[in-house]
Amino acid sequence: MMYQGQFSPFLERRYNNMELFNESLTLVSSYHLMAFTDWVPDIENRYVMGWSLVFIVMICFIVNFSSIFEGIFK
């Protein structure tokens, strides 16, 4: 992620921003997975973190599909 932000390997700025967005949400999703271990003993907190993870994945899904459809209908 640091490489992506520093060097911007894609030619278009839009692609660099999309890659940073995807990398950030992947990192946040990975941090959510720790909530499903024994470190979080409360079942209610695990349930809430599960829904939080679902919303993060859906945001990523929607943004990426809107980017794909934007490219198709140009």
PDB file of N, CA and C in Angstrom:
ATOM      1  N   MET A   1       0.829  -1.178   0.000  1.00  0.00           N
ATOM      2  CA  MET A   1       0.000   0.000   0.000  1.00  0.00           C
ATOM      3  C   MET A   1       0.879   1.249   0.000  1.00  0.00           C
ATOM      4  N   MET A   2       1.985   1.193   0.711  1.00  0.00           N
ATOM      5  CA  MET A   2       2.883   2.351   0.721  1.00  0.00           C
ATOM      6  C   MET A   2       3.515   2.554  -0.655  1.00  0.00           C
ATOM      7  N   TYR A   3       3.858   1.463  -1.320  1.00  0.00           N
ATOM      8  CA  TYR A   3       4.410   1.555  -2.668  1.00  0.00           C
ATOM      9  C   TYR A   3       3.399   2.200  -3.612  1.00  0.00           C
ATOM     10  N   GLN A   4       2.163   1.758  -3.507  1.00  0.00           N
ATOM     11  CA  GLN A   4       1.092   2.276  -4.363  1.00  0.00           C
ATOM     12  C   GLN A   4       0.916   3.777  -4.171  1.00  0.00           C
ATOM     13  N   GLY A   5       0.917   4.220  -2.929  1.00  0.00           N
ATOM     14  CA  GLY A   5       0.735   5.634  -2.653  1.00  0.00           C
ATOM     15  C   GLY A   5       1.929   6.475  -3.044  1.00  0.00           C
ATOM     16  N   GLN A   6       3.109   5.928  -2.938  1.00  0.00           N
ATOM     17  CA  GLN A   6       4.319   6.692  -3.224  1.00  0.00           C
ATOM     18  C   GLN A   6       4.610   6.810  -4.714  1.00  0.00           C
ATOM     19  N   PHE A   7       4.524   5.697  -5.440  1.00  0.00           N
ATOM     20  CA  PHE A   7       4.990   5.683  -6.820  1.00  0.00           C
ATOM     21  C   PHE A   7       3.896   5.768  -7.872  1.00  0.00           C
ATOM     22  N   SER A   8       2.653   5.519  -7.532  1.00  0.00           N
ATOM     23  CA  SER A   8       1.535   5.584  -8.484  1.00  0.00           C
ATOM     24  C   SER A   8       1.861   4.864  -9.797  1.00  0.00           C
ATOM     25  N   PRO A   9       1.888   3.539  -9.798  1.00  0.00           N
ATOM     26  CA  PRO A   9       2.354   2.798 -10.971  1.00  0.00           C
ATOM     27  C   PRO A   9       1.412   2.847 -12.178  1.00  0.00           C
ATOM     28  N   PHE A  10       0.145   3.169 -11.982  1.00  0.00           N
ATOM     29  CA  PHE A  10      -0.776   3.222 -13.113  1.00  0.00           C
ATOM     30  C   PHE A  10      -0.668   4.568 -13.821  1.00  0.00           C
ATOM     31  N   LEU A  11      -0.996   4.577 -15.088  1.00  0.00           N
ATOM     32  CA  LEU A  11      -0.875   5.808 -15.870  1.00  0.00           C
ATOM     33  C   LEU A  11      -1.960   6.822 -15.524  1.00  0.00           C
ATOM     34  N   GLU A  12      -3.163   6.350 -15.281  1.00  0.00           N
ATOM     35  CA  GLU A  12      -4.266   7.258 -14.964  1.00  0.00           C
ATOM     36  C   GLU A  12      -4.442   7.379 -13.460  1.00  0.00           C
ATOM     37  N   ARG A  13      -4.721   8.582 -13.003  1.00  0.00           N
ATOM     38  CA  ARG A  13      -4.889   8.840 -11.572  1.00  0.00           C
ATOM     39  C   ARG A  13      -6.078   8.071 -10.993  1.00  0.00           C
ATOM     40  N   ARG A  14      -7.100   7.901 -11.810  1.00  0.00           N
ATOM     41  CA  ARG A  14      -8.303   7.197 -11.371  1.00  0.00           C
ATOM     42  C   ARG A  14      -7.988   5.759 -10.957  1.00  0.00           C
ATOM     43  N   TYR A  15      -7.130   5.095 -11.715  1.00  0.00           N
ATOM     44  CA  TYR A  15      -6.762   3.716 -11.401  1.00  0.00           C
ATOM     45  C   TYR A  15      -5.916   3.640 -10.130  1.00  0.00           C
ATOM     46  N   ASN A  16      -5.045   4.617  -9.943  1.00  0.00           N
ATOM     47  CA  ASN A  16      -4.244   4.658  -8.716  1.00  0.00           C
ATOM     48  C   ASN A  16      -5.133   4.862  -7.493  1.00  0.00           C
ATOM     49  N   ASN A  17      -6.099   5.759  -7.610  1.00  0.00           N
ATOM     50  CA  ASN A  17      -7.019   5.995  -6.494  1.00  0.00           C
ATOM     51  C   ASN A  17      -7.874   4.770  -6.195  1.00  0.00           C
ATOM     52  N   MET A  18      -8.333   4.090  -7.244  1.00  0.00           N
ATOM     53  CA  MET A  18      -9.146   2.897  -7.052  1.00  0.00           C
ATOM     54  C   MET A  18      -8.326   1.802  -6.367  1.00  0.00           C
ATOM     55  N   GLU A  19      -7.066   1.661  -6.750  1.00  0.00           N
ATOM     56  CA  GLU A  19      -6.220   0.646  -6.133  1.00  0.00           C
ATOM     57  C   GLU A  19      -5.968   0.965  -4.663  1.00  0.00           C
ATOM     58  N   LEU A  20      -5.737   2.225  -4.336  1.00  0.00           N
ATOM     59  CA  LEU A  20      -5.561   2.611  -2.930  1.00  0.00           C
ATOM     60  C   LEU A  20      -6.834   2.355  -2.129  1.00  0.00           C
ATOM     61  N   PHE A  21      -7.974   2.640  -2.721  1.00  0.00           N
ATOM     62  CA  PHE A  21      -9.258   2.383  -2.069  1.00  0.00           C
ATOM     63  C   PHE A  21      -9.418   0.888  -1.786  1.00  0.00           C
ATOM     64  N   ASN A  22      -9.141   0.048  -2.776  1.00  0.00           N
ATOM     65  CA  ASN A  22      -9.275  -1.400  -2.607  1.00  0.00           C
ATOM     66  C   ASN A  22      -8.296  -1.934  -1.565  1.00  0.00           C
ATOM     67  N   GLU A  23      -7.073  -1.452  -1.600  1.00  0.00           N
ATOM     68  CA  GLU A  23      -6.078  -1.892  -0.620  1.00  0.00           C
ATOM     69  C   GLU A  23      -6.489  -1.490   0.794  1.00  0.00           C
ATOM     70  N   SER A  24      -7.029  -0.295   0.944  1.00  0.00           N
ATOM     71  CA  SER A  24      -7.454   0.173   2.265  1.00  0.00           C
ATOM     72  C   SER A  24      -8.595  -0.667   2.817  1.00  0.00           C
ATOM     73  N   LEU A  25      -9.588  -0.956   1.984  1.00  0.00           N
ATOM     74  CA  LEU A  25     -10.702  -1.765   2.453  1.00  0.00           C
ATOM     75  C   LEU A  25     -10.299  -3.210   2.709  1.00  0.00           C
ATOM     76  N   THR A  26      -9.330  -3.708   1.966  1.00  0.00           N
ATOM     77  CA  THR A  26      -8.820  -5.049   2.236  1.00  0.00           C
ATOM     78  C   THR A  26      -8.116  -5.091   3.585  1.00  0.00           C
ATOM     79  N   LEU A  27      -7.371  -4.048   3.905  1.00  0.00           N
ATOM     80  CA  LEU A  27      -6.698  -3.970   5.196  1.00  0.00           C
ATOM     81  C   LEU A  27      -7.699  -3.902   6.339  1.00  0.00           C
ATOM     82  N   VAL A  28      -8.724  -3.075   6.191  1.00  0.00           N
ATOM     83  CA  VAL A  28      -9.749  -2.960   7.225  1.00  0.00           C
ATOM     84  C   VAL A  28     -10.509  -4.272   7.384  1.00  0.00           C
ATOM     85  N   SER A  29     -10.781  -4.947   6.272  1.00  0.00           N
ATOM     86  CA  SER A  29     -11.464  -6.242   6.340  1.00  0.00           C
ATOM     87  C   SER A  29     -10.610  -7.282   7.047  1.00  0.00           C
ATOM     88  N   SER A  30      -9.333  -7.241   6.811  1.00  0.00           N
ATOM     89  CA  SER A  30      -8.430  -8.181   7.486  1.00  0.00           C
ATOM     90  C   SER A  30      -8.403  -7.929   8.987  1.00  0.00           C
ATOM     91  N   TYR A  31      -8.450  -6.690   9.397  1.00  0.00           N
ATOM     92  CA  TYR A  31      -8.489  -6.378  10.823  1.00  0.00           C
ATOM     93  C   TYR A  31      -9.789  -6.862  11.462  1.00  0.00           C
ATOM     94  N   HIS A  32     -10.859  -6.849  10.715  1.00  0.00           N
ATOM     95  CA  HIS A  32     -12.137  -7.341  11.233  1.00  0.00           C
ATOM     96  C   HIS A  32     -12.079  -8.826  11.564  1.00  0.00           C
ATOM     97  N   LEU A  33     -11.270  -9.584  10.847  1.00  0.00           N
ATOM     98  CA  LEU A  33     -11.225 -11.031  11.049  1.00  0.00           C
ATOM     99  C   LEU A  33     -10.726 -11.398  12.443  1.00  0.00           C
ATOM    100  N   MET A  34      -9.949 -10.517  13.072  1.00  0.00           N
ATOM    101  CA  MET A  34      -9.499 -10.790  14.436  1.00  0.00           C
ATOM    102  C   MET A  34     -10.660 -10.793  15.428  1.00  0.00           C
ATOM    103  N   ALA A  35     -11.745 -10.130  15.076  1.00  0.00           N
ATOM    104  CA  ALA A  35     -12.903 -10.074  15.968  1.00  0.00           C
ATOM    105  C   ALA A  35     -13.623 -11.411  16.075  1.00  0.00           C
ATOM    106  N   PHE A  36     -13.345 -12.323  15.168  1.00  0.00           N
ATOM    107  CA  PHE A  36     -14.025 -13.617  15.175  1.00  0.00           C
ATOM    108  C   PHE A  36     -13.218 -14.698  15.884  1.00  0.00           C
ATOM    109  N   THR A  37     -12.185 -14.300  16.596  1.00  0.00           N
ATOM    110  CA  THR A  37     -11.380 -15.249  17.364  1.00  0.00           C
ATOM    111  C   THR A  37     -11.774 -15.170  18.835  1.00  0.00           C
ATOM    112  N   ASP A  38     -11.045 -15.868  19.674  1.00  0.00           N
ATOM    113  CA  ASP A  38     -11.328 -15.859  21.112  1.00  0.00           C
ATOM    114  C   ASP A  38     -10.888 -14.572  21.793  1.00  0.00           C
ATOM    115  N   TRP A  39     -10.261 -13.660  21.071  1.00  0.00           N
ATOM    116  CA  TRP A  39      -9.875 -12.375  21.657  1.00  0.00           C
ATOM    117  C   TRP A  39     -11.094 -11.545  22.022  1.00  0.00           C
ATOM    118  N   VAL A  40     -12.183 -11.779  21.334  1.00  0.00           N
ATOM    119  CA  VAL A  40     -13.435 -11.072  21.620  1.00  0.00           C
ATOM    120  C   VAL A  40     -14.395 -12.099  22.215  1.00  0.00           C
ATOM    121  N   PRO A  41     -14.510 -12.125  23.535  1.00  0.00           N
ATOM    122  CA  PRO A  41     -15.331 -13.176  24.157  1.00  0.00           C
ATOM    123  C   PRO A  41     -16.836 -12.932  24.032  1.00  0.00           C
ATOM    124  N   ASP A  42     -17.250 -11.683  23.834  1.00  0.00           N
ATOM    125  CA  ASP A  42     -18.673 -11.361  23.791  1.00  0.00           C
ATOM    126  C   ASP A  42     -19.252 -11.677  22.410  1.00  0.00           C
ATOM    127  N   ILE A  43     -20.272 -12.500  22.372  1.00  0.00           N
ATOM    128  CA  ILE A  43     -20.902 -12.910  21.112  1.00  0.00           C
ATOM    129  C   ILE A  43     -21.578 -11.724  20.422  1.00  0.00           C
ATOM    130  N   GLU A  44     -22.159 -10.821  21.182  1.00  0.00           N
ATOM    131  CA  GLU A  44     -22.831  -9.658  20.597  1.00  0.00           C
ATOM    132  C   GLU A  44     -21.844  -8.771  19.840  1.00  0.00           C
ATOM    133  N   ASN A  45     -20.656  -8.594  20.382  1.00  0.00           N
ATOM    134  CA  ASN A  45     -19.642  -7.793  19.688  1.00  0.00           C
ATOM    135  C   ASN A  45     -19.191  -8.470  18.403  1.00  0.00           C
ATOM    136  N   ARG A  46     -19.082  -9.783  18.424  1.00  0.00           N
ATOM    137  CA  ARG A  46     -18.741 -10.508  17.201  1.00  0.00           C
ATOM    138  C   ARG A  46     -19.824 -10.336  16.148  1.00  0.00           C
ATOM    139  N   TYR A  47     -21.062 -10.363  16.584  1.00  0.00           N
ATOM    140  CA  TYR A  47     -22.196 -10.189  15.671  1.00  0.00           C
ATOM    141  C   TYR A  47     -22.153  -8.807  15.007  1.00  0.00           C
ATOM    142  N   VAL A  48     -21.904  -7.784  15.807  1.00  0.00           N
ATOM    143  CA  VAL A  48     -21.830  -6.415  15.276  1.00  0.00           C
ATOM    144  C   VAL A  48     -20.645  -6.275  14.320  1.00  0.00           C
ATOM    145  N   MET A  49     -19.512  -6.850  14.685  1.00  0.00           N
ATOM    146  CA  MET A  49     -18.344  -6.784  13.809  1.00  0.00           C
ATOM    147  C   MET A  49     -18.584  -7.550  12.511  1.00  0.00           C
ATOM    148  N   GLY A  50     -19.374  -8.611  12.570  1.00  0.00           N
ATOM    149  CA  GLY A  50     -19.722  -9.339  11.354  1.00  0.00           C
ATOM    150  C   GLY A  50     -20.528  -8.477  10.393  1.00  0.00           C
ATOM    151  N   TRP A  51     -21.506  -7.765  10.921  1.00  0.00           N
ATOM    152  CA  TRP A  51     -22.290  -6.878  10.063  1.00  0.00           C
ATOM    153  C   TRP A  51     -21.452  -5.719   9.540  1.00  0.00           C
ATOM    154  N   SER A  52     -20.536  -5.246  10.354  1.00  0.00           N
ATOM    155  CA  SER A  52     -19.628  -4.196   9.902  1.00  0.00           C
ATOM    156  C   SER A  52     -18.776  -4.688   8.736  1.00  0.00           C
ATOM    157  N   LEU A  53     -18.290  -5.915   8.840  1.00  0.00           N
ATOM    158  CA  LEU A  53     -17.505  -6.504   7.755  1.00  0.00           C
ATOM    159  C   LEU A  53     -18.348  -6.661   6.492  1.00  0.00           C
ATOM    160  N   VAL A  54     -19.588  -7.068   6.642  1.00  0.00           N
ATOM    161  CA  VAL A  54     -20.480  -7.209   5.479  1.00  0.00           C
ATOM    162  C   VAL A  54     -20.674  -5.857   4.786  1.00  0.00           C
ATOM    163  N   PHE A  55     -20.874  -4.797   5.553  1.00  0.00           N
ATOM    164  CA  PHE A  55     -21.063  -3.467   4.955  1.00  0.00           C
ATOM    165  C   PHE A  55     -19.799  -2.981   4.259  1.00  0.00           C
ATOM    166  N   ILE A  56     -18.645  -3.249   4.815  1.00  0.00           N
ATOM    167  CA  ILE A  56     -17.393  -2.839   4.180  1.00  0.00           C
ATOM    168  C   ILE A  56     -17.205  -3.569   2.855  1.00  0.00           C
ATOM    169  N   VAL A  57     -17.479  -4.863   2.845  1.00  0.00           N
ATOM    170  CA  VAL A  57     -17.346  -5.635   1.603  1.00  0.00           C
ATOM    171  C   VAL A  57     -18.359  -5.154   0.570  1.00  0.00           C
ATOM    172  N   MET A  58     -19.561  -4.830   0.996  1.00  0.00           N
ATOM    173  CA  MET A  58     -20.571  -4.329   0.053  1.00  0.00           C
ATOM    174  C   MET A  58     -20.180  -2.969  -0.521  1.00  0.00           C
ATOM    175  N   ILE A  59     -19.599  -2.111   0.284  1.00  0.00           N
ATOM    176  CA  ILE A  59     -19.125  -0.814  -0.215  1.00  0.00           C
ATOM    177  C   ILE A  59     -18.067  -1.030  -1.286  1.00  0.00           C
ATOM    178  N   CYS A  60     -17.138  -1.927  -1.014  1.00  0.00           N
ATOM    179  CA  CYS A  60     -16.093  -2.242  -1.991  1.00  0.00           C
ATOM    180  C   CYS A  60     -16.707  -2.797  -3.272  1.00  0.00           C
ATOM    181  N   PHE A  61     -17.654  -3.696  -3.136  1.00  0.00           N
ATOM    182  CA  PHE A  61     -18.336  -4.306  -4.272  1.00  0.00           C
ATOM    183  C   PHE A  61     -19.052  -3.255  -5.118  1.00  0.00           C
ATOM    184  N   ILE A  62     -19.800  -2.383  -4.475  1.00  0.00           N
ATOM    185  CA  ILE A  62     -20.570  -1.363  -5.192  1.00  0.00           C
ATOM    186  C   ILE A  62     -19.666  -0.372  -5.898  1.00  0.00           C
ATOM    187  N   VAL A  63     -18.624   0.079  -5.227  1.00  0.00           N
ATOM    188  CA  VAL A  63     -17.707   1.048  -5.842  1.00  0.00           C
ATOM    189  C   VAL A  63     -17.001   0.434  -7.038  1.00  0.00           C
ATOM    190  N   ASN A  64     -16.560  -0.817  -6.914  1.00  0.00           N
ATOM    191  CA  ASN A  64     -15.868  -1.451  -8.030  1.00  0.00           C
ATOM    192  C   ASN A  64     -16.797  -1.714  -9.208  1.00  0.00           C
ATOM    193  N   PHE A  65     -18.019  -2.143  -8.947  1.00  0.00           N
ATOM    194  CA  PHE A  65     -18.954  -2.356 -10.046  1.00  0.00           C
ATOM    195  C   PHE A  65     -19.362  -1.044 -10.706  1.00  0.00           C
ATOM    196  N   SER A  66     -19.504   0.011  -9.932  1.00  0.00           N
ATOM    197  CA  SER A  66     -19.830   1.299 -10.549  1.00  0.00           C
ATOM    198  C   SER A  66     -18.670   1.784 -11.415  1.00  0.00           C
ATOM    199  N   SER A  67     -17.455   1.475 -11.015  1.00  0.00           N
ATOM    200  CA  SER A  67     -16.291   1.823 -11.829  1.00  0.00           C
ATOM    201  C   SER A  67     -16.281   1.034 -13.133  1.00  0.00           C
ATOM    202  N   ILE A  68     -16.654  -0.234 -13.058  1.00  0.00           N
ATOM    203  CA  ILE A  68     -16.707  -1.062 -14.267  1.00  0.00           C
ATOM    204  C   ILE A  68     -17.785  -0.550 -15.212  1.00  0.00           C
ATOM    205  N   PHE A  69     -18.974  -0.262 -14.683  1.00  0.00           N
ATOM    206  CA  PHE A  69     -20.064   0.210 -15.534  1.00  0.00           C
ATOM    207  C   PHE A  69     -19.808   1.603 -16.080  1.00  0.00           C
ATOM    208  N   GLU A  70     -19.064   2.405 -15.356  1.00  0.00           N
ATOM    209  CA  GLU A  70     -18.699   3.728 -15.871  1.00  0.00           C
ATOM    210  C   GLU A  70     -17.821   3.583 -17.100  1.00  0.00           C
ATOM    211  N   GLY A  71     -16.906   2.616 -17.086  1.00  0.00           N
ATOM    212  CA  GLY A  71     -16.044   2.385 -18.229  1.00  0.00           C
ATOM    213  C   GLY A  71     -16.792   1.803 -19.418  1.00  0.00           C
ATOM    214  N   ILE A  72     -17.833   1.015 -19.164  1.00  0.00           N
ATOM    215  CA  ILE A  72     -18.598   0.399 -20.252  1.00  0.00           C
ATOM    216  C   ILE A  72     -19.447   1.437 -20.967  1.00  0.00           C
ATOM    217  N   PHE A  73     -20.063   2.343 -20.232  1.00  0.00           N
ATOM    218  CA  PHE A  73     -21.014   3.281 -20.819  1.00  0.00           C
ATOM    219  C   PHE A  73     -20.378   4.604 -21.241  1.00  0.00           C
ATOM    220  N   LYS A  74     -19.070   4.692 -21.257  1.00  0.00           N
ATOM    221  CA  LYS A  74     -18.421   5.924 -21.719  1.00  0.00           C
ATOM    222  C   LYS A  74     -18.499   6.046 -23.201  1.00  0.00           C
TER     223      LYS A  74
END
